[in-house]
Every structure is written in structure tokens, then in C-alpha cells.
């Protein structure tokens, strides 16, 4: 079971008390430590040839959270726990931000939304 799956299990067990039982392992990266407190799973998708990190969690109507320039998906960490109770939350790191890569060539708006 991954750290994120363990965290999700702890969140499910203690949702009402909002008590976190699992802590990331001592050797975890800063990103893993940050995401350990959020009830989401991180995965990578190839979107328009760009390796893109996406946070997902919850069930219900989909809700997509987009960060602004210089941001990344985990900036939503304070609101995600409340939203996943009623929605399927999807929060990508846009190209060139967070854990997402920049594809070949220049990063431009047209390439980012294709």
C-alpha cells in the first residue's frame, strides 16, 4: 500500500474526527510529505505528450481545480478535504508547474490546452 493509499485509509477511518494517524515515512520527498495530509491519490497522465501529475479523490459530480501561474495542484490542499466528501476532485499540475513536465518546444497557452 502506498503512502497516499495509507493516508486515504486513515482519512476514511477518521473523517469525522479529522485525526491523521499515518505520517509519511522519514525518507519521503517534500511533495510526498505535503500530499500525505490530503485525501487524494496522485497519478501521472500523458496529456498532449506531456507527463502531467494529477491529484484525484472523492466520489460524486466532478470538480476540476486549476491553479494559477506559478502554482501547483497542492495549493488546493486546504479545500480538497471538504470537497472530496461530496465531489470527485481532479487537480492537475499544469505543464511546467509542480511535478508536471514541459513538453518539447516552448510552453505556450495553445500547447497547454490542446
PDB file of N, CA and C in Angstrom:
ATOM      1  N   UNK A   1       0.851  -1.171   0.000  1.00  0.00           N
ATOM      2  CA  UNK A   1       0.000   0.000   0.000  1.00  0.00           C
ATOM      3  C   UNK A   1       0.898   1.236   0.000  1.00  0.00           C
ATOM      4  N   UNK A   2       0.634   2.177  -0.911  1.00  0.00           N
ATOM      5  CA  UNK A   2       1.456   3.384  -0.984  1.00  0.00           C
ATOM      6  C   UNK A   2       1.112   4.333   0.158  1.00  0.00           C
ATOM      7  N   UNK A   3       1.970   5.321   0.340  1.00  0.00           N
ATOM      8  CA  UNK A   3       1.747   6.322   1.384  1.00  0.00           C
ATOM      9  C   UNK A   3       0.417   7.021   1.185  1.00  0.00           C
ATOM     10  N   UNK A   4       0.092   7.348  -0.061  1.00  0.00           N
ATOM     11  CA  UNK A   4      -1.161   8.050  -0.343  1.00  0.00           C
ATOM     12  C   UNK A   4      -2.376   7.160  -0.060  1.00  0.00           C
ATOM     13  N   UNK A   5      -2.261   5.871  -0.376  1.00  0.00           N
ATOM     14  CA  UNK A   5      -3.360   4.943  -0.073  1.00  0.00           C
ATOM     15  C   UNK A   5      -3.531   4.786   1.430  1.00  0.00           C
ATOM     16  N   UNK A   6      -2.421   4.738   2.167  1.00  0.00           N
ATOM     17  CA  UNK A   6      -2.493   4.654   3.622  1.00  0.00           C
ATOM     18  C   UNK A   6      -3.145   5.900   4.198  1.00  0.00           C
ATOM     19  N   UNK A   7      -2.765   7.051   3.662  1.00  0.00           N
ATOM     20  CA  UNK A   7      -3.338   8.311   4.131  1.00  0.00           C
ATOM     21  C   UNK A   7      -4.822   8.349   3.840  1.00  0.00           C
ATOM     22  N   UNK A   8      -5.217   7.902   2.648  1.00  0.00           N
ATOM     23  CA  UNK A   8      -6.641   7.885   2.288  1.00  0.00           C
ATOM     24  C   UNK A   8      -7.407   6.971   3.244  1.00  0.00           C
ATOM     25  N   UNK A   9      -6.823   5.820   3.573  1.00  0.00           N
ATOM     26  CA  UNK A   9      -7.471   4.890   4.509  1.00  0.00           C
ATOM     27  C   UNK A   9      -7.626   5.536   5.884  1.00  0.00           C
ATOM     28  N   UNK A  10      -6.594   6.231   6.334  1.00  0.00           N
ATOM     29  CA  UNK A  10      -6.676   6.916   7.629  1.00  0.00           C
ATOM     30  C   UNK A  10      -7.728   8.011   7.587  1.00  0.00           C
ATOM     31  N   UNK A  11      -7.791   8.736   6.464  1.00  0.00           N
ATOM     32  CA  UNK A  11      -8.812   9.790   6.319  1.00  0.00           C
ATOM     33  C   UNK A  11     -10.207   9.177   6.394  1.00  0.00           C
ATOM     34  N   UNK A  12     -10.426   8.080   5.674  1.00  0.00           N
ATOM     35  CA  UNK A  12     -11.731   7.428   5.692  1.00  0.00           C
ATOM     36  C   UNK A  12     -12.106   6.975   7.093  1.00  0.00           C
ATOM     37  N   UNK A  13     -11.134   6.454   7.852  1.00  0.00           N
ATOM     38  CA  UNK A  13     -11.399   5.967   9.207  1.00  0.00           C
ATOM     39  C   UNK A  13     -11.695   7.105  10.181  1.00  0.00           C
ATOM     40  N   UNK A  14     -11.092   8.253   9.946  1.00  0.00           N
ATOM     41  CA  UNK A  14     -11.195   9.317  10.941  1.00  0.00           C
ATOM     42  C   UNK A  14     -11.781  10.605  10.372  1.00  0.00           C
ATOM     43  N   UNK A  15     -12.586  10.485   9.346  1.00  0.00           N
ATOM     44  CA  UNK A  15     -13.125  11.668   8.670  1.00  0.00           C
ATOM     45  C   UNK A  15     -13.839  12.610   9.639  1.00  0.00           C
ATOM     46  N   UNK A  16     -14.652  12.069  10.532  1.00  0.00           N
ATOM     47  CA  UNK A  16     -15.390  12.925  11.451  1.00  0.00           C
ATOM     48  C   UNK A  16     -14.472  13.618  12.444  1.00  0.00           C
ATOM     49  N   UNK A  17     -13.511  12.903  12.969  1.00  0.00           N
ATOM     50  CA  UNK A  17     -12.598  13.477  13.955  1.00  0.00           C
ATOM     51  C   UNK A  17     -11.496  14.297  13.299  1.00  0.00           C
ATOM     52  N   UNK A  18     -11.274  14.065  11.989  1.00  0.00           N
ATOM     53  CA  UNK A  18     -10.208  14.725  11.247  1.00  0.00           C
ATOM     54  C   UNK A  18      -8.854  14.531  11.942  1.00  0.00           C
ATOM     55  N   UNK A  19      -8.632  13.323  12.402  1.00  0.00           N
ATOM     56  CA  UNK A  19      -7.374  12.964  13.049  1.00  0.00           C
ATOM     57  C   UNK A  19      -6.562  12.143  12.057  1.00  0.00           C
ATOM     58  N   UNK A  20      -5.333  12.557  11.808  1.00  0.00           N
ATOM     59  CA  UNK A  20      -4.471  11.830  10.881  1.00  0.00           C
ATOM     60  C   UNK A  20      -3.600  10.864  11.664  1.00  0.00           C
ATOM     61  N   UNK A  21      -3.704   9.589  11.335  1.00  0.00           N
ATOM     62  CA  UNK A  21      -2.932   8.564  12.023  1.00  0.00           C
ATOM     63  C   UNK A  21      -1.634   8.262  11.291  1.00  0.00           C
ATOM     64  N   UNK A  22      -1.632   8.346   9.980  1.00  0.00           N
ATOM     65  CA  UNK A  22      -0.447   7.997   9.203  1.00  0.00           C
ATOM     66  C   UNK A  22       0.386   9.224   8.914  1.00  0.00           C
ATOM     67  N   UNK A  23       1.651   9.075   9.073  1.00  0.00           N
ATOM     68  CA  UNK A  23       2.607  10.113   8.729  1.00  0.00           C
ATOM     69  C   UNK A  23       3.470   9.559   7.605  1.00  0.00           C
ATOM     70  N   UNK A  24       3.937  10.421   6.710  1.00  0.00           N
ATOM     71  CA  UNK A  24       4.806   9.910   5.649  1.00  0.00           C
ATOM     72  C   UNK A  24       6.104   9.385   6.237  1.00  0.00           C
ATOM     73  N   UNK A  25       6.726   8.419   5.579  1.00  0.00           N
ATOM     74  CA  UNK A  25       7.990   7.886   6.077  1.00  0.00           C
ATOM     75  C   UNK A  25       9.059   8.974   6.112  1.00  0.00           C
ATOM     76  N   UNK A  26      10.045   8.797   6.965  1.00  0.00           N
ATOM     77  CA  UNK A  26      11.091   9.799   7.165  1.00  0.00           C
ATOM     78  C   UNK A  26      11.818  10.137   5.866  1.00  0.00           C
ATOM     79  N   UNK A  27      11.975   9.176   4.969  1.00  0.00           N
ATOM     80  CA  UNK A  27      12.693   9.415   3.718  1.00  0.00           C
ATOM     81  C   UNK A  27      11.833   9.959   2.600  1.00  0.00           C
ATOM     82  N   UNK A  28      10.602  10.311   2.877  1.00  0.00           N
ATOM     83  CA  UNK A  28       9.690  10.786   1.836  1.00  0.00           C
ATOM     84  C   UNK A  28      10.127  12.145   1.309  1.00  0.00           C
ATOM     85  N   UNK A  29       9.818  12.387   0.038  1.00  0.00           N
ATOM     86  CA  UNK A  29      10.144  13.685  -0.556  1.00  0.00           C
ATOM     87  C   UNK A  29       9.236  14.763   0.031  1.00  0.00           C
ATOM     88  N   UNK A  30       9.604  15.998  -0.196  1.00  0.00           N
ATOM     89  CA  UNK A  30       8.782  17.120   0.293  1.00  0.00           C
ATOM     90  C   UNK A  30       7.379  17.034  -0.286  1.00  0.00           C
ATOM     91  N   UNK A  31       7.262  16.670  -1.558  1.00  0.00           N
ATOM     92  CA  UNK A  31       5.946  16.551  -2.189  1.00  0.00           C
ATOM     93  C   UNK A  31       5.128  15.447  -1.523  1.00  0.00           C
ATOM     94  N   UNK A  32       5.747  14.301  -1.256  1.00  0.00           N
ATOM     95  CA  UNK A  32       5.047  13.202  -0.584  1.00  0.00           C
ATOM     96  C   UNK A  32       4.587  13.612   0.809  1.00  0.00           C
ATOM     97  N   UNK A  33       5.428  14.342   1.527  1.00  0.00           N
ATOM     98  CA  UNK A  33       5.045  14.809   2.866  1.00  0.00           C
ATOM     99  C   UNK A  33       3.869  15.773   2.785  1.00  0.00           C
ATOM    100  N   UNK A  34       3.890  16.659   1.808  1.00  0.00           N
ATOM    101  CA  UNK A  34       2.804  17.621   1.635  1.00  0.00           C
ATOM    102  C   UNK A  34       1.506  16.914   1.273  1.00  0.00           C
ATOM    103  N   UNK A  35       1.566  15.971   0.344  1.00  0.00           N
ATOM    104  CA  UNK A  35       0.361  15.278  -0.121  1.00  0.00           C
ATOM    105  C   UNK A  35      -0.167  14.260   0.882  1.00  0.00           C
ATOM    106  N   UNK A  36       0.664  13.846   1.846  1.00  0.00           N
ATOM    107  CA  UNK A  36       0.228  12.847   2.824  1.00  0.00           C
ATOM    108  C   UNK A  36      -0.956  13.342   3.648  1.00  0.00           C
ATOM    109  N   UNK A  37      -1.125  14.630   3.773  1.00  0.00           N
ATOM    110  CA  UNK A  37      -2.227  15.171   4.559  1.00  0.00           C
ATOM    111  C   UNK A  37      -3.483  15.447   3.757  1.00  0.00           C
ATOM    112  N   UNK A  38      -3.499  15.087   2.483  1.00  0.00           N
ATOM    113  CA  UNK A  38      -4.644  15.367   1.619  1.00  0.00           C
ATOM    114  C   UNK A  38      -5.267  14.036   1.173  1.00  0.00           C
ATOM    115  N   UNK A  39      -6.593  13.886   1.255  1.00  0.00           N
ATOM    116  CA  UNK A  39      -7.241  12.622   0.875  1.00  0.00           C
ATOM    117  C   UNK A  39      -7.390  12.464  -0.635  1.00  0.00           C
ATOM    118  N   UNK A  40      -6.249  12.375  -1.323  1.00  0.00           N
ATOM    119  CA  UNK A  40      -6.230  12.208  -2.776  1.00  0.00           C
ATOM    120  C   UNK A  40      -5.197  11.158  -3.154  1.00  0.00           C
ATOM    121  N   UNK A  41      -5.282  10.717  -4.382  1.00  0.00           N
ATOM    122  CA  UNK A  41      -4.279   9.839  -4.971  1.00  0.00           C
ATOM    123  C   UNK A  41      -3.601  10.637  -6.070  1.00  0.00           C
ATOM    124  N   UNK A  42      -2.289  10.526  -6.165  1.00  0.00           N
ATOM    125  CA  UNK A  42      -1.568  11.188  -7.243  1.00  0.00           C
ATOM    126  C   UNK A  42      -1.271  10.174  -8.324  1.00  0.00           C
ATOM    127  N   UNK A  43      -1.484  10.574  -9.565  1.00  0.00           N
ATOM    128  CA  UNK A  43      -1.100   9.722 -10.687  1.00  0.00           C
ATOM    129  C   UNK A  43      -0.543  10.598 -11.793  1.00  0.00           C
ATOM    130  N   UNK A  44       0.078   9.939 -12.762  1.00  0.00           N
ATOM    131  CA  UNK A  44       0.657  10.661 -13.893  1.00  0.00           C
ATOM    132  C   UNK A  44      -0.067  10.255 -15.159  1.00  0.00           C
ATOM    133  N   UNK A  45      -0.363  11.253 -15.977  1.00  0.00           N
ATOM    134  CA  UNK A  45      -1.001  11.037 -17.274  1.00  0.00           C
ATOM    135  C   UNK A  45      -0.137  11.655 -18.358  1.00  0.00           C
ATOM    136  N   UNK A  46      -0.192  11.082 -19.539  1.00  0.00           N
ATOM    137  CA  UNK A  46       0.453  11.688 -20.707  1.00  0.00           C
ATOM    138  C   UNK A  46      -0.620  12.501 -21.424  1.00  0.00           C
ATOM    139  N   UNK A  47      -0.554  13.803 -21.322  1.00  0.00           N
ATOM    140  CA  UNK A  47      -1.529  14.698 -21.944  1.00  0.00           C
ATOM    141  C   UNK A  47      -0.814  15.554 -22.974  1.00  0.00           C
ATOM    142  N   UNK A  48      -1.203  15.417 -24.231  1.00  0.00           N
ATOM    143  CA  UNK A  48      -0.560  16.143 -25.337  1.00  0.00           C
ATOM    144  C   UNK A  48       0.949  15.946 -25.308  1.00  0.00           C
ATOM    145  N   UNK A  49       1.389  14.722 -24.958  1.00  0.00           N
ATOM    146  CA  UNK A  49       2.807  14.408 -24.932  1.00  0.00           C
ATOM    147  C   UNK A  49       3.556  14.921 -23.718  1.00  0.00           C
ATOM    148  N   UNK A  50       2.840  15.440 -22.735  1.00  0.00           N
ATOM    149  CA  UNK A  50       3.474  15.991 -21.531  1.00  0.00           C
ATOM    150  C   UNK A  50       3.122  15.117 -20.334  1.00  0.00           C
ATOM    151  N   UNK A  51       4.144  14.671 -19.589  1.00  0.00           N
ATOM    152  CA  UNK A  51       3.908  13.909 -18.366  1.00  0.00           C
ATOM    153  C   UNK A  51       3.324  14.866 -17.330  1.00  0.00           C
ATOM    154  N   UNK A  52       2.060  14.595 -16.952  1.00  0.00           N
ATOM    155  CA  UNK A  52       1.305  15.516 -16.100  1.00  0.00           C
ATOM    156  C   UNK A  52       0.913  14.840 -14.797  1.00  0.00           C
ATOM    157  N   UNK A  53       1.205  15.487 -13.672  1.00  0.00           N
ATOM    158  CA  UNK A  53       0.807  14.994 -12.353  1.00  0.00           C
ATOM    159  C   UNK A  53      -0.623  15.452 -12.083  1.00  0.00           C
ATOM    160  N   UNK A  54      -1.452  14.521 -11.595  1.00  0.00           N
ATOM    161  CA  UNK A  54      -2.857  14.827 -11.329  1.00  0.00           C
ATOM    162  C   UNK A  54      -3.222  14.271  -9.956  1.00  0.00           C
ATOM    163  N   UNK A  55      -3.863  15.094  -9.129  1.00  0.00           N
ATOM    164  CA  UNK A  55      -4.395  14.651  -7.842  1.00  0.00           C
ATOM    165  C   UNK A  55      -5.872  14.363  -8.035  1.00  0.00           C
ATOM    166  N   UNK A  56      -6.337  13.217  -7.520  1.00  0.00           N
ATOM    167  CA  UNK A  56      -7.744  12.841  -7.639  1.00  0.00           C
ATOM    168  C   UNK A  56      -8.239  12.259  -6.332  1.00  0.00           C
ATOM    169  N   UNK A  57      -9.493  12.532  -6.010  1.00  0.00           N
ATOM    170  CA  UNK A  57     -10.085  11.959  -4.820  1.00  0.00           C
ATOM    171  C   UNK A  57     -11.569  12.217  -4.773  1.00  0.00           C
ATOM    172  N   UNK A  58     -12.259  11.436  -3.963  1.00  0.00           N
ATOM    173  CA  UNK A  58     -13.684  11.612  -3.740  1.00  0.00           C
ATOM    174  C   UNK A  58     -14.562  10.953  -4.778  1.00  0.00           C
ATOM    175  N   UNK A  59     -15.862  11.017  -4.516  1.00  0.00           N
ATOM    176  CA  UNK A  59     -16.885  10.482  -5.412  1.00  0.00           C
ATOM    177  C   UNK A  59     -17.979  11.529  -5.535  1.00  0.00           C
ATOM    178  N   UNK A  60     -18.673  11.482  -6.646  1.00  0.00           N
ATOM    179  CA  UNK A  60     -19.748  12.427  -6.870  1.00  0.00           C
ATOM    180  C   UNK A  60     -19.513  13.208  -8.142  1.00  0.00           C
ATOM    181  N   UNK A  61     -20.218  14.318  -8.301  1.00  0.00           N
ATOM    182  CA  UNK A  61     -20.037  15.130  -9.508  1.00  0.00           C
ATOM    183  C   UNK A  61     -18.592  15.611  -9.609  1.00  0.00           C
ATOM    184  N   UNK A  62     -18.025  15.608 -10.816  1.00  0.00           N
ATOM    185  CA  UNK A  62     -16.628  16.028 -10.955  1.00  0.00           C
ATOM    186  C   UNK A  62     -16.446  17.524 -10.718  1.00  0.00           C
ATOM    187  N   UNK A  63     -15.310  17.849 -10.117  1.00  0.00           N
ATOM    188  CA  UNK A  63     -14.930  19.233  -9.861  1.00  0.00           C
ATOM    189  C   UNK A  63     -13.447  19.341 -10.193  1.00  0.00           C
ATOM    190  N   UNK A  64     -13.115  20.184 -11.160  1.00  0.00           N
ATOM    191  CA  UNK A  64     -11.724  20.346 -11.582  1.00  0.00           C
ATOM    192  C   UNK A  64     -11.186  21.635 -10.988  1.00  0.00           C
ATOM    193  N   UNK A  65     -10.066  21.521 -10.277  1.00  0.00           N
ATOM    194  CA  UNK A  65      -9.427  22.675  -9.644  1.00  0.00           C
ATOM    195  C   UNK A  65      -8.163  23.015 -10.424  1.00  0.00           C
ATOM    196  N   UNK A  66      -8.092  24.221 -10.958  1.00  0.00           N
ATOM    197  CA  UNK A  66      -6.931  24.666 -11.723  1.00  0.00           C
ATOM    198  C   UNK A  66      -6.210  25.770 -10.960  1.00  0.00           C
ATOM    199  N   UNK A  67      -4.905  25.617 -10.821  1.00  0.00           N
ATOM    200  CA  UNK A  67      -4.094  26.632 -10.140  1.00  0.00           C
ATOM    201  C   UNK A  67      -3.734  27.744 -11.108  1.00  0.00           C
ATOM    202  N   UNK A  68      -3.241  28.829 -10.570  1.00  0.00           N
ATOM    203  CA  UNK A  68      -2.817  29.960 -11.388  1.00  0.00           C
ATOM    204  C   UNK A  68      -1.345  29.880 -11.740  1.00  0.00           C
ATOM    205  N   UNK A  69      -0.831  30.915 -12.411  1.00  0.00           N
ATOM    206  CA  UNK A  69       0.587  30.946 -12.795  1.00  0.00           C
ATOM    207  C   UNK A  69       1.490  30.817 -11.565  1.00  0.00           C
ATOM    208  N   UNK A  70       2.488  29.965 -11.689  1.00  0.00           N
ATOM    209  CA  UNK A  70       3.431  29.754 -10.593  1.00  0.00           C
ATOM    210  C   UNK A  70       2.904  28.852  -9.493  1.00  0.00           C
ATOM    211  N   UNK A  71       1.682  28.351  -9.634  1.00  0.00           N
ATOM    212  CA  UNK A  71       1.090  27.486  -8.623  1.00  0.00           C
ATOM    213  C   UNK A  71       1.257  26.020  -8.967  1.00  0.00           C
ATOM    214  N   UNK A  72       0.596  25.181  -8.203  1.00  0.00           N
ATOM    215  CA  UNK A  72       0.569  23.743  -8.457  1.00  0.00           C
ATOM    216  C   UNK A  72      -0.650  23.173  -7.729  1.00  0.00           C
ATOM    217  N   UNK A  73      -1.000  21.939  -8.046  1.00  0.00           N
ATOM    218  CA  UNK A  73      -2.250  21.340  -7.560  1.00  0.00           C
ATOM    219  C   UNK A  73      -2.384  21.352  -6.040  1.00  0.00           C
ATOM    220  N   UNK A  74      -1.284  21.143  -5.326  1.00  0.00           N
ATOM    221  CA  UNK A  74      -1.371  21.061  -3.863  1.00  0.00           C
ATOM    222  C   UNK A  74      -1.715  22.400  -3.216  1.00  0.00           C
ATOM    223  N   UNK A  75      -1.728  23.486  -3.988  1.00  0.00           N
ATOM    224  CA  UNK A  75      -2.190  24.760  -3.419  1.00  0.00           C
ATOM    225  C   UNK A  75      -3.641  24.665  -2.963  1.00  0.00           C
ATOM    226  N   UNK A  76      -4.358  23.674  -3.456  1.00  0.00           N
ATOM    227  CA  UNK A  76      -5.759  23.456  -3.076  1.00  0.00           C
ATOM    228  C   UNK A  76      -5.883  22.598  -1.822  1.00  0.00           C
ATOM    229  N   UNK A  77      -4.778  22.297  -1.137  1.00  0.00           N
ATOM    230  CA  UNK A  77      -4.792  21.323  -0.041  1.00  0.00           C
ATOM    231  C   UNK A  77      -5.740  21.686   1.095  1.00  0.00           C
ATOM    232  N   UNK A  78      -6.030  22.944   1.319  1.00  0.00           N
ATOM    233  CA  UNK A  78      -6.920  23.330   2.424  1.00  0.00           C
ATOM    234  C   UNK A  78      -8.396  23.132   2.084  1.00  0.00           C
ATOM    235  N   UNK A  79      -8.743  23.143   0.805  1.00  0.00           N
ATOM    236  CA  UNK A  79     -10.156  22.980   0.436  1.00  0.00           C
ATOM    237  C   UNK A  79     -10.499  21.578  -0.050  1.00  0.00           C
ATOM    238  N   UNK A  80      -9.497  20.821  -0.501  1.00  0.00           N
ATOM    239  CA  UNK A  80      -9.764  19.480  -1.033  1.00  0.00           C
ATOM    240  C   UNK A  80     -10.449  18.563  -0.017  1.00  0.00           C
ATOM    241  N   UNK A  81     -10.020  18.497   1.251  1.00  0.00           N
ATOM    242  CA  UNK A  81     -10.684  17.573   2.176  1.00  0.00           C
ATOM    243  C   UNK A  81     -12.198  17.789   2.281  1.00  0.00           C
ATOM    244  N   UNK A  82     -12.656  18.999   2.276  1.00  0.00           N
ATOM    245  CA  UNK A  82     -14.093  19.253   2.328  1.00  0.00           C
ATOM    246  C   UNK A  82     -14.793  18.930   1.021  1.00  0.00           C
ATOM    247  N   UNK A  83     -14.121  19.166  -0.101  1.00  0.00           N
ATOM    248  CA  UNK A  83     -14.729  18.933  -1.408  1.00  0.00           C
ATOM    249  C   UNK A  83     -14.858  17.449  -1.747  1.00  0.00           C
ATOM    250  N   UNK A  84     -13.882  16.617  -1.324  1.00  0.00           N
ATOM    251  CA  UNK A  84     -13.944  15.192  -1.677  1.00  0.00           C
ATOM    252  C   UNK A  84     -15.082  14.472  -0.965  1.00  0.00           C
ATOM    253  N   UNK A  85     -15.667  15.097   0.044  1.00  0.00           N
ATOM    254  CA  UNK A  85     -16.805  14.474   0.734  1.00  0.00           C
ATOM    255  C   UNK A  85     -18.031  14.415  -0.168  1.00  0.00           C
ATOM    256  N   UNK A  86     -18.111  15.322  -1.144  1.00  0.00           N
ATOM    257  CA  UNK A  86     -19.307  15.388  -1.992  1.00  0.00           C
ATOM    258  C   UNK A  86     -19.008  15.392  -3.480  1.00  0.00           C
ATOM    259  N   UNK A  87     -17.737  15.463  -3.861  1.00  0.00           N
ATOM    260  CA  UNK A  87     -17.367  15.559  -5.276  1.00  0.00           C
ATOM    261  C   UNK A  87     -16.183  14.665  -5.610  1.00  0.00           C
ATOM    262  N   UNK A  88     -16.047  14.350  -6.885  1.00  0.00           N
ATOM    263  CA  UNK A  88     -14.816  13.747  -7.396  1.00  0.00           C
ATOM    264  C   UNK A  88     -13.941  14.921  -7.797  1.00  0.00           C
ATOM    265  N   UNK A  89     -12.857  15.130  -7.070  1.00  0.00           N
ATOM    266  CA  UNK A  89     -11.977  16.270  -7.280  1.00  0.00           C
ATOM    267  C   UNK A  89     -10.794  15.851  -8.145  1.00  0.00           C
ATOM    268  N   UNK A  90     -10.513  16.654  -9.163  1.00  0.00           N
ATOM    269  CA  UNK A  90      -9.370  16.450 -10.045  1.00  0.00           C
ATOM    270  C   UNK A  90      -8.586  17.757 -10.052  1.00  0.00           C
ATOM    271  N   UNK A  91      -7.309  17.681  -9.653  1.00  0.00           N
ATOM    272  CA  UNK A  91      -6.459  18.873  -9.600  1.00  0.00           C
ATOM    273  C   UNK A  91      -5.126  18.564 -10.274  1.00  0.00           C
ATOM    274  N   UNK A  92      -4.957  19.008 -11.514  1.00  0.00           N
ATOM    275  CA  UNK A  92      -3.688  18.752 -12.211  1.00  0.00           C
ATOM    276  C   UNK A  92      -2.636  19.806 -11.902  1.00  0.00           C
ATOM    277  N   UNK A  93      -1.368  19.398 -12.015  1.00  0.00           N
ATOM    278  CA  UNK A  93      -0.267  20.354 -12.081  1.00  0.00           C
ATOM    279  C   UNK A  93      -0.179  20.715 -13.561  1.00  0.00           C
ATOM    280  N   UNK A  94      -0.435  21.948 -13.918  1.00  0.00           N
ATOM    281  CA  UNK A  94      -0.385  22.358 -15.317  1.00  0.00           C
ATOM    282  C   UNK A  94       1.038  22.225 -15.845  1.00  0.00           C
ATOM    283  N   UNK A  95       1.230  22.114 -17.172  1.00  0.00           N
ATOM    284  CA  UNK A  95       2.568  21.917 -17.731  1.00  0.00           C
ATOM    285  C   UNK A  95       3.571  22.951 -17.235  1.00  0.00           C
ATOM    286  N   UNK A  96       4.731  22.444 -16.793  1.00  0.00           N
ATOM    287  CA  UNK A  96       5.786  23.312 -16.301  1.00  0.00           C
ATOM    288  C   UNK A  96       5.604  23.753 -14.857  1.00  0.00           C
ATOM    289  N   UNK A  97       4.591  23.224 -14.177  1.00  0.00           N
ATOM    290  CA  UNK A  97       4.318  23.584 -12.786  1.00  0.00           C
ATOM    291  C   UNK A  97       4.316  22.319 -11.932  1.00  0.00           C
ATOM    292  N   UNK A  98       4.642  22.465 -10.648  1.00  0.00           N
ATOM    293  CA  UNK A  98       4.593  21.321  -9.731  1.00  0.00           C
ATOM    294  C   UNK A  98       5.428  20.164 -10.248  1.00  0.00           C
ATOM    295  N   UNK A  99       4.818  18.976 -10.282  1.00  0.00           N
ATOM    296  CA  UNK A  99       5.521  17.770 -10.723  1.00  0.00           C
ATOM    297  C   UNK A  99       5.297  17.455 -12.197  1.00  0.00           C
ATOM    298  N   UNK A 100       4.620  18.341 -12.932  1.00  0.00           N
ATOM    299  CA  UNK A 100       4.413  18.129 -14.363  1.00  0.00           C
ATOM    300  C   UNK A 100       5.615  18.639 -15.141  1.00  0.00           C
ATOM    301  N   UNK A 101       5.836  18.018 -16.283  1.00  0.00           N
ATOM    302  CA  UNK A 101       6.971  18.390 -17.121  1.00  0.00           C
ATOM    303  C   UNK A 101       6.547  19.396 -18.176  1.00  0.00           C
ATOM    304  N   UNK A 102       7.530  19.935 -18.849  1.00  0.00           N
ATOM    305  CA  UNK A 102       7.287  20.783 -20.007  1.00  0.00           C
ATOM    306  C   UNK A 102       7.583  19.919 -21.219  1.00  0.00           C
ATOM    307  N   UNK A 103       6.698  19.933 -22.199  1.00  0.00           N
ATOM    308  CA  UNK A 103       6.903  19.137 -23.404  1.00  0.00           C
ATOM    309  C   UNK A 103       8.008  19.718 -24.269  1.00  0.00           C
ATOM    310  N   UNK A 104       8.180  19.128 -25.429  1.00  0.00           N
ATOM    311  CA  UNK A 104       9.173  19.624 -26.376  1.00  0.00           C
ATOM    312  C   UNK A 104       8.767  21.004 -26.863  1.00  0.00           C
ATOM    313  N   UNK A 105       9.734  21.872 -26.997  1.00  0.00           N
ATOM    314  CA  UNK A 105       9.458  23.212 -27.509  1.00  0.00           C
ATOM    315  C   UNK A 105       9.035  24.156 -26.405  1.00  0.00           C
ATOM    316  N   UNK A 106       8.623  25.333 -26.805  1.00  0.00           N
ATOM    317  CA  UNK A 106       8.231  26.384 -25.864  1.00  0.00           C
ATOM    318  C   UNK A 106       6.899  26.068 -25.219  1.00  0.00           C
ATOM    319  N   UNK A 107       6.743  26.510 -23.983  1.00  0.00           N
ATOM    320  CA  UNK A 107       5.476  26.384 -23.272  1.00  0.00           C
ATOM    321  C   UNK A 107       4.601  27.581 -23.648  1.00  0.00           C
ATOM    322  N   UNK A 108       3.462  27.295 -24.286  1.00  0.00           N
ATOM    323  CA  UNK A 108       2.553  28.370 -24.662  1.00  0.00           C
ATOM    324  C   UNK A 108       1.122  27.942 -24.348  1.00  0.00           C
ATOM    325  N   UNK A 109       0.236  28.902 -24.322  1.00  0.00           N
ATOM    326  CA  UNK A 109      -1.162  28.617 -23.956  1.00  0.00           C
ATOM    327  C   UNK A 109      -1.795  27.621 -24.917  1.00  0.00           C
ATOM    328  N   UNK A 110      -1.549  27.744 -26.205  1.00  0.00           N
ATOM    329  CA  UNK A 110      -2.132  26.844 -27.180  1.00  0.00           C
ATOM    330  C   UNK A 110      -1.726  25.399 -26.959  1.00  0.00           C
ATOM    331  N   UNK A 111      -0.453  25.181 -26.687  1.00  0.00           N
ATOM    332  CA  UNK A 111       0.023  23.828 -26.417  1.00  0.00           C
ATOM    333  C   UNK A 111      -0.461  23.279 -25.102  1.00  0.00           C
ATOM    334  N   UNK A 112      -0.676  24.150 -24.126  1.00  0.00           N
ATOM    335  CA  UNK A 112      -1.103  23.711 -22.811  1.00  0.00           C
ATOM    336  C   UNK A 112      -2.543  23.245 -22.782  1.00  0.00           C
ATOM    337  N   UNK A 113      -3.382  23.797 -23.639  1.00  0.00           N
ATOM    338  CA  UNK A 113      -4.809  23.432 -23.611  1.00  0.00           C
ATOM    339  C   UNK A 113      -5.188  22.454 -24.713  1.00  0.00           C
ATOM    340  N   UNK A 114      -4.236  22.065 -25.558  1.00  0.00           N
ATOM    341  CA  UNK A 114      -4.575  21.133 -26.642  1.00  0.00           C
ATOM    342  C   UNK A 114      -4.802  19.726 -26.138  1.00  0.00           C
TER     343      UNK A 114
END
